[in-house]
């Protein structure tokens, strides 16, 4: 019986470690995706602003 408890304990610890690792990885990916969205939106706004300035120059 003691061997089975040690095995079950080890399995639970491994599962917990895997879940923690998956959570950490997902959190990091989400942070990177958010930073790309912010960068992309800022770049789009800069381009749109430049285009508006150029249109005003030539009209």
Protein backbone atom coordinates (compact mmCIF):
# COMPACT_ATOMS: atom_id res chain seq x y z
CA UNK A 1 0.00 0.00 0.00
CA UNK A 2 2.79 2.46 0.84
CA UNK A 3 4.29 2.01 -2.61
CA UNK A 4 0.97 2.89 -4.23
CA UNK A 5 0.67 6.06 -2.14
CA UNK A 6 4.19 7.13 -3.09
CA UNK A 7 3.37 6.49 -6.75
CA UNK A 8 0.08 8.43 -6.57
CA UNK A 9 1.81 11.29 -4.79
CA UNK A 10 4.48 11.41 -7.49
CA UNK A 11 1.85 11.38 -10.24
CA UNK A 12 -0.06 14.26 -8.59
CA UNK A 13 3.15 16.29 -8.20
CA UNK A 14 4.03 15.73 -11.87
CA UNK A 15 0.50 16.74 -12.95
CA UNK A 16 0.70 19.89 -10.83
CA UNK A 17 4.10 20.77 -12.31
CA UNK A 18 2.80 20.29 -15.86
CA UNK A 19 -0.28 22.43 -15.21
CA UNK A 20 1.83 25.17 -13.65
CA UNK A 21 4.20 25.09 -16.63
CA UNK A 22 1.30 25.28 -19.11
CA UNK A 23 -0.21 28.21 -17.21
CA UNK A 24 3.10 30.07 -17.20
CA UNK A 25 3.62 29.45 -20.92
CA UNK A 26 0.08 30.61 -21.77
CA UNK A 27 0.54 33.74 -19.66
CA UNK A 28 3.78 34.59 -21.46
CA UNK A 29 2.25 34.01 -24.90
CA UNK A 30 -0.71 36.23 -24.00
CA UNK A 31 1.64 39.01 -22.90
CA UNK A 32 3.58 38.78 -26.17
CA UNK A 33 0.39 38.78 -28.26
CA UNK A 34 -0.90 41.82 -26.38
CA UNK A 35 2.36 43.69 -26.97
CA UNK A 36 2.14 42.89 -30.71
CA UNK A 37 -1.41 44.23 -30.83
CA UNK A 38 -0.41 47.43 -29.07
CA UNK A 39 2.61 47.86 -31.37
CA UNK A 40 0.50 47.14 -34.45
CA UNK A 41 -2.22 49.59 -33.42
CA UNK A 42 0.35 52.30 -32.70
CA UNK A 43 2.02 51.72 -36.06
CA UNK A 44 -1.32 51.85 -37.87
CA UNK A 45 -2.18 55.13 -36.12
CA UNK A 46 1.20 56.61 -37.12
CA UNK A 47 0.70 55.57 -40.74
CA UNK A 48 -2.85 56.93 -40.79
CA UNK A 49 -1.63 60.23 -39.28
CA UNK A 50 1.14 60.51 -41.89
CA UNK A 51 -1.34 59.88 -44.69
CA UNK A 52 -3.65 62.60 -43.35
CA UNK A 53 -0.75 65.08 -43.21
CA UNK A 54 0.28 64.18 -46.77
CA UNK A 55 -3.28 64.65 -48.06
CA UNK A 56 -3.47 68.09 -46.43
CA UNK A 57 -0.17 69.12 -48.07
CA UNK A 58 -1.37 68.32 -51.57
CA UNK A 59 -4.92 69.63 -51.36
